[in-house]
Amino acid sequence: MKQILTYPNPILREKTLVVEKVDVDLIAEIKELTEILIATENTAAGLAATQIGLKRRFFGLKVGKKNKVEIFLNPKITKTDGKKIYPMMVFDDGKKENFLEGCLSFPNLFGTVKRWLKIEVEWEEIKRGKLIKKKKVMEGFEAIVFQHEAEHLEGILFIDHIKEEGGELYRFEGEKKKPVDVNDIM
């Protein structure tokens, strides 16, 4: 089984190739990505093909509480709502704090990234051996994860945003959160 690549592996910076046809290799790659993502249990919501060394344009997102993964082939954002902001987490007691985005290719690192909270997306999925176009509106966490994984397919990493936007980056060691200078990572 393939391993999740970690930064600074150069494959993480490569742009992926459009999936043009369904073949046995693609089916095997999707199955492997799905198995790896499910094996992450509660530590990940998505995984892009590049993160396991594949140069095809697809990623998987976990759906629901079960071990179900939805595959997005040739994904793209077709419309955004509003401007990018730092997402916030709101707790039952009304307290708010910055949502910290993480990535399996950056173990124990989490940071603030500006994202759209509502997007319209298009992608393809496999039905009866053919690629079928799909579209939908995504909001909140699902929209954040879609943007993160779609950027992997372009060779863009979440630390790029943190550096460009002046966001915050932290290393988690158990329950302890320590600030990290993004320039020390890149």
N, C-alpha and C. Protein backbone atom coordinates (compact mmCIF):
# COMPACT_ATOMS: atom_id res chain seq x y z
N MET A 1 0.84 -1.18 0.00
CA MET A 1 0.00 0.00 0.00
C MET A 1 0.89 1.25 0.00
N LYS A 2 0.48 2.26 -0.73
CA LYS A 2 1.22 3.51 -0.81
C LYS A 2 1.21 4.22 0.54
N GLN A 3 2.20 5.05 0.75
CA GLN A 3 2.30 5.86 1.96
C GLN A 3 1.92 7.30 1.64
N ILE A 4 1.48 8.01 2.65
CA ILE A 4 1.18 9.43 2.49
C ILE A 4 2.50 10.19 2.44
N LEU A 5 2.69 10.96 1.39
CA LEU A 5 3.92 11.73 1.22
C LEU A 5 3.89 12.94 2.16
N THR A 6 5.05 13.27 2.72
CA THR A 6 5.13 14.43 3.58
C THR A 6 6.05 15.48 2.96
N TYR A 7 5.74 16.72 3.29
CA TYR A 7 6.52 17.86 2.82
C TYR A 7 7.93 17.73 3.36
N PRO A 8 8.96 17.98 2.55
CA PRO A 8 9.02 18.69 1.28
C PRO A 8 9.08 17.79 0.04
N ASN A 9 8.47 16.64 0.04
CA ASN A 9 8.49 15.77 -1.14
C ASN A 9 8.05 16.59 -2.37
N PRO A 10 8.86 16.62 -3.43
CA PRO A 10 8.56 17.46 -4.60
C PRO A 10 7.28 17.07 -5.34
N ILE A 11 6.81 15.85 -5.20
CA ILE A 11 5.57 15.43 -5.87
C ILE A 11 4.39 16.26 -5.37
N LEU A 12 4.45 16.72 -4.13
CA LEU A 12 3.37 17.54 -3.56
C LEU A 12 3.22 18.88 -4.30
N ARG A 13 4.24 19.29 -5.03
CA ARG A 13 4.21 20.56 -5.77
C ARG A 13 3.82 20.38 -7.24
N GLU A 14 3.60 19.15 -7.67
CA GLU A 14 3.29 18.89 -9.07
C GLU A 14 1.80 19.05 -9.36
N LYS A 15 1.50 19.56 -10.57
CA LYS A 15 0.11 19.63 -11.02
C LYS A 15 -0.28 18.27 -11.56
N THR A 16 -1.53 17.92 -11.38
CA THR A 16 -2.00 16.61 -11.80
C THR A 16 -2.56 16.64 -13.21
N LEU A 17 -2.72 15.45 -13.78
CA LEU A 17 -3.25 15.30 -15.13
C LEU A 17 -4.74 15.01 -15.09
N VAL A 18 -5.47 15.60 -16.00
CA VAL A 18 -6.91 15.38 -16.10
C VAL A 18 -7.20 13.90 -16.35
N VAL A 19 -8.20 13.38 -15.67
CA VAL A 19 -8.64 12.01 -15.90
C VAL A 19 -9.55 12.03 -17.12
N GLU A 20 -9.16 11.34 -18.18
CA GLU A 20 -9.92 11.37 -19.43
C GLU A 20 -10.74 10.11 -19.67
N LYS A 21 -10.31 9.01 -19.04
CA LYS A 21 -11.06 7.76 -19.24
C LYS A 21 -10.96 6.89 -18.00
N VAL A 22 -11.91 6.01 -17.90
CA VAL A 22 -11.93 5.06 -16.79
C VAL A 22 -11.20 3.80 -17.26
N ASP A 23 -10.20 3.38 -16.49
CA ASP A 23 -9.49 2.15 -16.80
C ASP A 23 -9.18 1.41 -15.50
N VAL A 24 -8.61 0.23 -15.61
CA VAL A 24 -8.36 -0.59 -14.41
C VAL A 24 -7.37 0.08 -13.47
N ASP A 25 -6.39 0.81 -14.03
CA ASP A 25 -5.42 1.51 -13.18
C ASP A 25 -6.11 2.58 -12.34
N LEU A 26 -7.00 3.35 -12.96
CA LEU A 26 -7.73 4.38 -12.24
C LEU A 26 -8.56 3.77 -11.12
N ILE A 27 -9.28 2.70 -11.42
CA ILE A 27 -10.11 2.04 -10.41
C ILE A 27 -9.25 1.57 -9.25
N ALA A 28 -8.08 1.01 -9.54
CA ALA A 28 -7.17 0.53 -8.49
C ALA A 28 -6.64 1.70 -7.66
N GLU A 29 -6.32 2.82 -8.31
CA GLU A 29 -5.81 3.99 -7.60
C GLU A 29 -6.89 4.59 -6.68
N ILE A 30 -8.11 4.65 -7.17
CA ILE A 30 -9.22 5.16 -6.35
C ILE A 30 -9.43 4.25 -5.14
N LYS A 31 -9.39 2.97 -5.35
CA LYS A 31 -9.58 2.01 -4.25
C LYS A 31 -8.48 2.19 -3.20
N GLU A 32 -7.24 2.34 -3.67
CA GLU A 32 -6.13 2.51 -2.73
C GLU A 32 -6.24 3.82 -1.96
N LEU A 33 -6.57 4.92 -2.63
CA LEU A 33 -6.73 6.20 -1.95
C LEU A 33 -7.85 6.10 -0.91
N THR A 34 -8.95 5.46 -1.28
CA THR A 34 -10.08 5.29 -0.36
C THR A 34 -9.66 4.51 0.88
N GLU A 35 -8.94 3.42 0.69
CA GLU A 35 -8.48 2.61 1.83
C GLU A 35 -7.55 3.39 2.74
N ILE A 36 -6.65 4.17 2.15
CA ILE A 36 -5.71 4.97 2.96
C ILE A 36 -6.47 6.03 3.74
N LEU A 37 -7.42 6.70 3.09
CA LEU A 37 -8.20 7.74 3.77
C LEU A 37 -9.02 7.16 4.91
N ILE A 38 -9.65 6.03 4.69
CA ILE A 38 -10.43 5.38 5.76
C ILE A 38 -9.51 4.99 6.92
N ALA A 39 -8.29 4.55 6.62
CA ALA A 39 -7.35 4.13 7.66
C ALA A 39 -6.89 5.29 8.53
N THR A 40 -7.07 6.53 8.06
CA THR A 40 -6.67 7.69 8.88
C THR A 40 -7.63 7.90 10.05
N GLU A 41 -8.73 7.16 10.06
CA GLU A 41 -9.77 7.26 11.09
C GLU A 41 -10.21 8.70 11.28
N ASN A 42 -10.00 9.27 12.46
CA ASN A 42 -10.51 10.61 12.74
C ASN A 42 -9.50 11.72 12.48
N THR A 43 -8.37 11.41 11.86
CA THR A 43 -7.33 12.43 11.69
C THR A 43 -7.41 13.17 10.37
N ALA A 44 -8.28 12.78 9.46
CA ALA A 44 -8.35 13.45 8.16
C ALA A 44 -9.76 13.43 7.60
N ALA A 45 -10.07 14.47 6.83
CA ALA A 45 -11.37 14.55 6.16
C ALA A 45 -11.24 14.35 4.66
N GLY A 46 -10.02 14.47 4.14
CA GLY A 46 -9.82 14.32 2.70
C GLY A 46 -8.40 13.91 2.39
N LEU A 47 -8.21 13.44 1.15
CA LEU A 47 -6.89 13.01 0.68
C LEU A 47 -6.84 13.16 -0.83
N ALA A 48 -5.81 13.85 -1.31
CA ALA A 48 -5.63 14.05 -2.75
C ALA A 48 -4.68 13.02 -3.33
N ALA A 49 -4.86 12.71 -4.60
CA ALA A 49 -4.03 11.71 -5.28
C ALA A 49 -2.54 12.02 -5.16
N THR A 50 -2.18 13.30 -5.26
CA THR A 50 -0.76 13.67 -5.17
C THR A 50 -0.16 13.29 -3.82
N GLN A 51 -0.96 13.27 -2.79
CA GLN A 51 -0.44 12.95 -1.46
C GLN A 51 0.00 11.50 -1.32
N ILE A 52 -0.41 10.67 -2.27
CA ILE A 52 0.08 9.28 -2.26
C ILE A 52 0.89 9.00 -3.54
N GLY A 53 1.38 10.08 -4.15
CA GLY A 53 2.30 9.94 -5.28
C GLY A 53 1.66 9.72 -6.63
N LEU A 54 0.34 9.95 -6.74
CA LEU A 54 -0.36 9.77 -8.01
C LEU A 54 -0.52 11.11 -8.71
N LYS A 55 -0.38 11.11 -10.02
CA LYS A 55 -0.43 12.37 -10.76
C LYS A 55 -1.75 12.57 -11.48
N ARG A 56 -2.78 11.85 -11.04
CA ARG A 56 -4.10 12.01 -11.66
C ARG A 56 -4.94 12.98 -10.84
N ARG A 57 -5.87 13.63 -11.52
CA ARG A 57 -6.65 14.72 -10.95
C ARG A 57 -7.89 14.17 -10.23
N PHE A 58 -7.70 13.72 -8.98
CA PHE A 58 -8.84 13.30 -8.15
C PHE A 58 -8.46 13.33 -6.68
N PHE A 59 -9.49 13.42 -5.87
CA PHE A 59 -9.31 13.31 -4.43
C PHE A 59 -10.54 12.68 -3.82
N GLY A 60 -10.41 12.29 -2.56
CA GLY A 60 -11.53 11.71 -1.83
C GLY A 60 -11.84 12.54 -0.60
N LEU A 61 -13.14 12.63 -0.27
CA LEU A 61 -13.59 13.28 0.96
C LEU A 61 -14.42 12.29 1.75
N LYS A 62 -14.19 12.26 3.05
CA LYS A 62 -15.02 11.42 3.91
C LYS A 62 -16.41 12.04 4.00
N VAL A 63 -17.42 11.19 3.99
CA VAL A 63 -18.80 11.66 4.11
C VAL A 63 -19.46 10.97 5.29
N GLY A 64 -20.17 11.76 6.09
CA GLY A 64 -20.89 11.19 7.22
C GLY A 64 -19.96 10.60 8.26
N LYS A 65 -20.53 9.87 9.17
CA LYS A 65 -19.77 9.28 10.27
C LYS A 65 -19.25 7.89 9.94
N LYS A 66 -19.74 7.32 8.88
CA LYS A 66 -19.32 5.97 8.51
C LYS A 66 -18.05 6.04 7.67
N ASN A 67 -17.48 4.90 7.40
CA ASN A 67 -16.28 4.84 6.58
C ASN A 67 -16.64 4.92 5.10
N LYS A 68 -17.21 6.04 4.71
CA LYS A 68 -17.61 6.24 3.32
C LYS A 68 -16.79 7.39 2.75
N VAL A 69 -16.30 7.21 1.52
CA VAL A 69 -15.49 8.22 0.86
C VAL A 69 -16.13 8.55 -0.48
N GLU A 70 -16.28 9.84 -0.75
CA GLU A 70 -16.78 10.28 -2.05
C GLU A 70 -15.58 10.73 -2.87
N ILE A 71 -15.50 10.24 -4.11
CA ILE A 71 -14.37 10.55 -5.00
C ILE A 71 -14.78 11.67 -5.95
N PHE A 72 -13.89 12.64 -6.10
CA PHE A 72 -14.10 13.78 -6.98
C PHE A 72 -13.03 13.75 -8.07
N LEU A 73 -13.45 13.40 -9.30
CA LEU A 73 -12.53 13.37 -10.44
C LEU A 73 -12.64 14.70 -11.19
N ASN A 74 -11.51 15.26 -11.59
CA ASN A 74 -11.45 16.51 -12.33
C ASN A 74 -12.28 17.61 -11.66
N PRO A 75 -12.08 17.83 -10.36
CA PRO A 75 -12.90 18.81 -9.63
C PRO A 75 -12.53 20.24 -9.97
N LYS A 76 -13.54 21.12 -9.90
CA LYS A 76 -13.25 22.55 -10.03
C LYS A 76 -14.32 23.35 -9.31
N ILE A 77 -13.89 24.50 -8.85
CA ILE A 77 -14.80 25.45 -8.21
C ILE A 77 -15.30 26.36 -9.33
N THR A 78 -16.62 26.44 -9.48
CA THR A 78 -17.19 27.24 -10.56
C THR A 78 -17.73 28.58 -10.09
N LYS A 79 -18.00 28.70 -8.78
CA LYS A 79 -18.53 29.96 -8.26
C LYS A 79 -18.21 30.04 -6.77
N THR A 80 -17.92 31.25 -6.32
CA THR A 80 -17.68 31.46 -4.89
C THR A 80 -18.67 32.49 -4.37
N ASP A 81 -18.88 32.44 -3.08
CA ASP A 81 -19.84 33.35 -2.45
C ASP A 81 -19.09 34.23 -1.45
N GLY A 82 -19.10 35.52 -1.68
CA GLY A 82 -18.44 36.44 -0.76
C GLY A 82 -16.94 36.42 -0.95
N LYS A 83 -16.21 36.86 0.08
CA LYS A 83 -14.76 36.87 -0.01
C LYS A 83 -14.18 35.83 0.94
N LYS A 84 -12.93 35.51 0.73
CA LYS A 84 -12.27 34.55 1.61
C LYS A 84 -12.10 35.16 3.00
N ILE A 85 -12.38 34.34 4.01
CA ILE A 85 -12.21 34.77 5.40
C ILE A 85 -11.55 33.65 6.19
N TYR A 86 -11.08 34.00 7.39
CA TYR A 86 -10.61 32.96 8.30
C TYR A 86 -11.84 32.32 8.94
N PRO A 87 -12.09 31.04 8.67
CA PRO A 87 -13.25 30.38 9.29
C PRO A 87 -13.11 30.33 10.81
N MET A 88 -14.25 30.36 11.47
CA MET A 88 -14.29 30.29 12.93
C MET A 88 -15.07 29.05 13.37
N MET A 89 -14.68 28.53 14.51
CA MET A 89 -15.44 27.45 15.15
C MET A 89 -16.26 28.08 16.26
N VAL A 90 -17.54 27.76 16.31
CA VAL A 90 -18.43 28.29 17.34
C VAL A 90 -18.87 27.11 18.22
N PHE A 91 -18.63 27.23 19.51
CA PHE A 91 -18.95 26.15 20.44
C PHE A 91 -20.33 26.36 21.05
N ASP A 92 -20.85 25.31 21.68
CA ASP A 92 -22.19 25.35 22.26
C ASP A 92 -22.36 26.50 23.26
N ASP A 93 -21.29 26.85 23.97
CA ASP A 93 -21.38 27.93 24.96
C ASP A 93 -21.25 29.32 24.34
N GLY A 94 -21.15 29.37 22.99
CA GLY A 94 -21.06 30.65 22.29
C GLY A 94 -19.63 31.13 22.04
N LYS A 95 -18.66 30.47 22.63
CA LYS A 95 -17.27 30.87 22.42
C LYS A 95 -16.87 30.59 20.98
N LYS A 96 -15.96 31.42 20.47
CA LYS A 96 -15.45 31.26 19.11
C LYS A 96 -13.93 31.19 19.13
N GLU A 97 -13.40 30.43 18.19
CA GLU A 97 -11.95 30.43 18.00
C GLU A 97 -11.66 30.12 16.54
N ASN A 98 -10.45 30.47 16.11
CA ASN A 98 -10.06 30.23 14.73
C ASN A 98 -10.10 28.75 14.41
N PHE A 99 -10.62 28.43 13.23
CA PHE A 99 -10.56 27.06 12.72
C PHE A 99 -9.13 26.84 12.25
N LEU A 100 -8.51 25.78 12.72
CA LEU A 100 -7.14 25.46 12.32
C LEU A 100 -7.16 24.32 11.32
N GLU A 101 -6.68 24.63 10.13
CA GLU A 101 -6.65 23.65 9.04
C GLU A 101 -5.37 22.83 9.16
N GLY A 102 -5.49 21.53 8.91
CA GLY A 102 -4.34 20.65 8.94
C GLY A 102 -4.21 19.90 7.64
N CYS A 103 -3.15 19.09 7.55
CA CYS A 103 -2.88 18.34 6.33
C CYS A 103 -2.07 17.10 6.68
N LEU A 104 -2.47 15.96 6.12
CA LEU A 104 -1.74 14.71 6.38
C LEU A 104 -0.28 14.78 5.91
N SER A 105 0.02 15.66 4.97
CA SER A 105 1.39 15.80 4.47
C SER A 105 2.24 16.71 5.36
N PHE A 106 1.62 17.27 6.40
CA PHE A 106 2.31 18.10 7.40
C PHE A 106 1.90 17.64 8.79
N PRO A 107 2.40 16.48 9.21
CA PRO A 107 1.95 15.93 10.50
C PRO A 107 2.12 16.92 11.66
N ASN A 108 1.06 17.03 12.45
CA ASN A 108 1.02 17.84 13.66
C ASN A 108 1.06 19.35 13.44
N LEU A 109 0.98 19.80 12.19
CA LEU A 109 0.95 21.24 11.92
C LEU A 109 -0.47 21.66 11.54
N PHE A 110 -0.91 22.78 12.10
CA PHE A 110 -2.25 23.31 11.84
C PHE A 110 -2.15 24.83 11.78
N GLY A 111 -2.96 25.43 10.90
CA GLY A 111 -2.89 26.88 10.80
C GLY A 111 -4.16 27.51 10.28
N THR A 112 -4.15 28.84 10.30
CA THR A 112 -5.29 29.62 9.83
C THR A 112 -5.13 29.89 8.34
N VAL A 113 -6.17 29.58 7.58
CA VAL A 113 -6.17 29.77 6.13
C VAL A 113 -7.49 30.43 5.74
N LYS A 114 -7.40 31.47 4.93
CA LYS A 114 -8.63 32.11 4.45
C LYS A 114 -9.28 31.21 3.41
N ARG A 115 -10.58 31.01 3.55
CA ARG A 115 -11.34 30.15 2.64
C ARG A 115 -12.70 30.77 2.36
N TRP A 116 -13.28 30.38 1.22
CA TRP A 116 -14.68 30.72 0.97
C TRP A 116 -15.52 29.74 1.78
N LEU A 117 -16.61 30.23 2.36
CA LEU A 117 -17.46 29.36 3.17
C LEU A 117 -18.63 28.79 2.36
N LYS A 118 -18.78 29.27 1.12
CA LYS A 118 -19.81 28.71 0.24
C LYS A 118 -19.25 28.72 -1.19
N ILE A 119 -19.29 27.56 -1.84
CA ILE A 119 -18.77 27.43 -3.20
C ILE A 119 -19.70 26.55 -4.02
N GLU A 120 -19.69 26.76 -5.32
CA GLU A 120 -20.34 25.83 -6.26
C GLU A 120 -19.22 25.07 -6.95
N VAL A 121 -19.41 23.76 -7.06
CA VAL A 121 -18.36 22.92 -7.61
C VAL A 121 -18.90 22.00 -8.70
N GLU A 122 -18.00 21.60 -9.58
CA GLU A 122 -18.28 20.58 -10.59
C GLU A 122 -17.18 19.53 -10.50
N TRP A 123 -17.53 18.30 -10.83
CA TRP A 123 -16.57 17.22 -10.87
C TRP A 123 -17.19 16.10 -11.69
N GLU A 124 -16.41 15.03 -11.83
CA GLU A 124 -16.93 13.85 -12.51
C GLU A 124 -16.85 12.67 -11.56
N GLU A 125 -17.78 11.74 -11.75
CA GLU A 125 -17.71 10.48 -11.01
C GLU A 125 -17.94 9.35 -12.00
N ILE A 126 -17.63 8.16 -11.55
CA ILE A 126 -17.74 6.99 -12.42
C ILE A 126 -19.09 6.33 -12.25
N LYS A 127 -19.80 6.16 -13.34
CA LYS A 127 -21.07 5.42 -13.37
C LYS A 127 -21.02 4.47 -14.57
N ARG A 128 -21.14 3.19 -14.28
CA ARG A 128 -21.12 2.16 -15.33
C ARG A 128 -19.92 2.30 -16.26
N GLY A 129 -18.77 2.58 -15.67
CA GLY A 129 -17.54 2.65 -16.45
C GLY A 129 -17.32 3.93 -17.24
N LYS A 130 -18.19 4.92 -17.03
CA LYS A 130 -18.05 6.19 -17.76
C LYS A 130 -17.97 7.35 -16.77
N LEU A 131 -17.37 8.45 -17.23
CA LEU A 131 -17.30 9.66 -16.42
C LEU A 131 -18.58 10.47 -16.60
N ILE A 132 -19.24 10.77 -15.50
CA ILE A 132 -20.49 11.51 -15.50
C ILE A 132 -20.28 12.82 -14.74
N LYS A 133 -20.71 13.94 -15.32
CA LYS A 133 -20.56 15.26 -14.68
C LYS A 133 -21.56 15.43 -13.55
N LYS A 134 -21.07 16.04 -12.47
CA LYS A 134 -21.89 16.33 -11.29
C LYS A 134 -21.62 17.76 -10.87
N LYS A 135 -22.55 18.34 -10.12
CA LYS A 135 -22.33 19.66 -9.53
C LYS A 135 -23.16 19.82 -8.28
N LYS A 136 -22.68 20.67 -7.39
CA LYS A 136 -23.44 20.97 -6.19
C LYS A 136 -22.87 22.18 -5.49
N VAL A 137 -23.62 22.67 -4.51
CA VAL A 137 -23.18 23.77 -3.66
C VAL A 137 -22.67 23.17 -2.36
N MET A 138 -21.52 23.65 -1.91
CA MET A 138 -20.94 23.19 -0.64
C MET A 138 -20.79 24.39 0.28
N GLU A 139 -20.99 24.11 1.57
CA GLU A 139 -20.85 25.18 2.56
C GLU A 139 -20.05 24.68 3.76
N GLY A 140 -19.50 25.63 4.51
CA GLY A 140 -18.83 25.33 5.76
C GLY A 140 -17.66 24.38 5.62
N PHE A 141 -17.60 23.42 6.53
CA PHE A 141 -16.47 22.48 6.59
C PHE A 141 -16.25 21.75 5.27
N GLU A 142 -17.33 21.28 4.64
CA GLU A 142 -17.21 20.57 3.37
C GLU A 142 -16.56 21.46 2.31
N ALA A 143 -16.94 22.73 2.25
CA ALA A 143 -16.36 23.67 1.29
C ALA A 143 -14.88 23.90 1.58
N ILE A 144 -14.52 24.00 2.85
CA ILE A 144 -13.12 24.20 3.24
C ILE A 144 -12.27 23.02 2.79
N VAL A 145 -12.74 21.81 3.07
CA VAL A 145 -11.97 20.61 2.73
C VAL A 145 -11.86 20.46 1.20
N PHE A 146 -12.94 20.75 0.48
CA PHE A 146 -12.91 20.68 -0.99
C PHE A 146 -11.82 21.62 -1.52
N GLN A 147 -11.78 22.84 -1.03
CA GLN A 147 -10.77 23.80 -1.50
C GLN A 147 -9.36 23.30 -1.21
N HIS A 148 -9.14 22.79 -0.01
CA HIS A 148 -7.83 22.29 0.40
C HIS A 148 -7.37 21.17 -0.55
N GLU A 149 -8.24 20.19 -0.77
CA GLU A 149 -7.86 19.04 -1.61
C GLU A 149 -7.71 19.44 -3.08
N ALA A 150 -8.59 20.31 -3.58
CA ALA A 150 -8.48 20.76 -4.97
C ALA A 150 -7.16 21.48 -5.20
N GLU A 151 -6.71 22.24 -4.22
CA GLU A 151 -5.43 22.93 -4.36
C GLU A 151 -4.25 21.96 -4.41
N HIS A 152 -4.34 20.85 -3.69
CA HIS A 152 -3.29 19.82 -3.79
C HIS A 152 -3.09 19.41 -5.25
N LEU A 153 -4.17 19.33 -6.00
CA LEU A 153 -4.08 18.89 -7.39
C LEU A 153 -3.38 19.92 -8.28
N GLU A 154 -3.21 21.13 -7.77
CA GLU A 154 -2.50 22.20 -8.47
C GLU A 154 -1.09 22.41 -7.91
N GLY A 155 -0.71 21.61 -6.91
CA GLY A 155 0.59 21.77 -6.29
C GLY A 155 0.63 22.89 -5.26
N ILE A 156 -0.54 23.34 -4.83
CA ILE A 156 -0.65 24.42 -3.83
C ILE A 156 -0.90 23.78 -2.46
N LEU A 157 -0.16 24.23 -1.46
CA LEU A 157 -0.26 23.66 -0.12
C LEU A 157 -0.78 24.70 0.87
N PHE A 158 -1.39 24.25 1.94
CA PHE A 158 -2.00 25.18 2.89
C PHE A 158 -0.99 26.13 3.51
N ILE A 159 0.26 25.72 3.62
CA ILE A 159 1.29 26.62 4.17
C ILE A 159 1.57 27.78 3.23
N ASP A 160 1.31 27.59 1.93
CA ASP A 160 1.48 28.70 0.98
C ASP A 160 0.55 29.85 1.36
N HIS A 161 -0.69 29.52 1.70
CA HIS A 161 -1.67 30.54 2.11
C HIS A 161 -1.26 31.19 3.42
N ILE A 162 -0.81 30.38 4.36
CA ILE A 162 -0.40 30.92 5.66
C ILE A 162 0.72 31.94 5.47
N LYS A 163 1.69 31.60 4.63
CA LYS A 163 2.80 32.52 4.38
C LYS A 163 2.30 33.78 3.67
N GLU A 164 1.50 33.61 2.62
CA GLU A 164 1.02 34.74 1.82
C GLU A 164 0.09 35.66 2.62
N GLU A 165 -0.76 35.07 3.45
CA GLU A 165 -1.78 35.84 4.19
C GLU A 165 -1.31 36.31 5.56
N GLY A 166 -0.15 35.84 5.98
CA GLY A 166 0.31 36.18 7.33
C GLY A 166 -0.48 35.45 8.41
N GLY A 167 -0.97 34.26 8.07
CA GLY A 167 -1.74 33.47 9.03
C GLY A 167 -0.88 32.88 10.13
N GLU A 168 -1.53 32.21 11.05
CA GLU A 168 -0.85 31.60 12.19
C GLU A 168 -0.62 30.11 11.90
N LEU A 169 0.51 29.59 12.37
CA LEU A 169 0.85 28.18 12.21
C LEU A 169 1.27 27.65 13.56
N TYR A 170 0.78 26.44 13.88
CA TYR A 170 1.08 25.82 15.17
C TYR A 170 1.50 24.37 14.99
N ARG A 171 2.37 23.92 15.89
CA ARG A 171 2.72 22.50 15.97
C ARG A 171 2.06 21.97 17.24
N PHE A 172 1.32 20.87 17.08
CA PHE A 172 0.68 20.25 18.24
C PHE A 172 1.55 19.09 18.69
N GLU A 173 1.85 19.10 19.98
CA GLU A 173 2.58 18.00 20.61
C GLU A 173 1.71 17.54 21.76
N GLY A 174 0.92 16.49 21.50
CA GLY A 174 -0.08 16.07 22.47
C GLY A 174 -1.14 17.14 22.56
N GLU A 175 -1.41 17.64 23.75
CA GLU A 175 -2.40 18.70 23.96
C GLU A 175 -1.79 20.10 23.83
N LYS A 176 -0.46 20.17 23.74
CA LYS A 176 0.21 21.47 23.70
C LYS A 176 0.29 22.00 22.27
N LYS A 177 0.03 23.30 22.14
CA LYS A 177 0.04 23.99 20.86
C LYS A 177 1.16 25.03 20.90
N LYS A 178 2.16 24.89 20.00
CA LYS A 178 3.28 25.82 19.98
C LYS A 178 3.29 26.58 18.66
N PRO A 179 3.41 27.91 18.71
CA PRO A 179 3.50 28.69 17.47
C PRO A 179 4.76 28.31 16.69
N VAL A 180 4.63 28.31 15.35
CA VAL A 180 5.73 27.98 14.45
C VAL A 180 5.83 29.07 13.41
N ASP A 181 7.05 29.45 13.06
CA ASP A 181 7.24 30.41 11.97
C ASP A 181 7.16 29.63 10.67
N VAL A 182 6.23 30.01 9.78
CA VAL A 182 6.04 29.29 8.53
C VAL A 182 7.33 29.27 7.70
N ASN A 183 8.16 30.29 7.84
CA ASN A 183 9.42 30.33 7.09
C ASN A 183 10.39 29.23 7.53
N ASP A 184 10.22 28.74 8.75
CA ASP A 184 11.05 27.63 9.23
C ASP A 184 10.62 26.30 8.61
N ILE A 185 9.41 26.24 8.07
CA ILE A 185 8.88 25.01 7.47
C ILE A 185 9.20 24.98 5.97
N MET A 186 9.06 26.13 5.33
CA MET A 186 9.19 26.19 3.86
C MET A 186 10.65 26.27 3.42
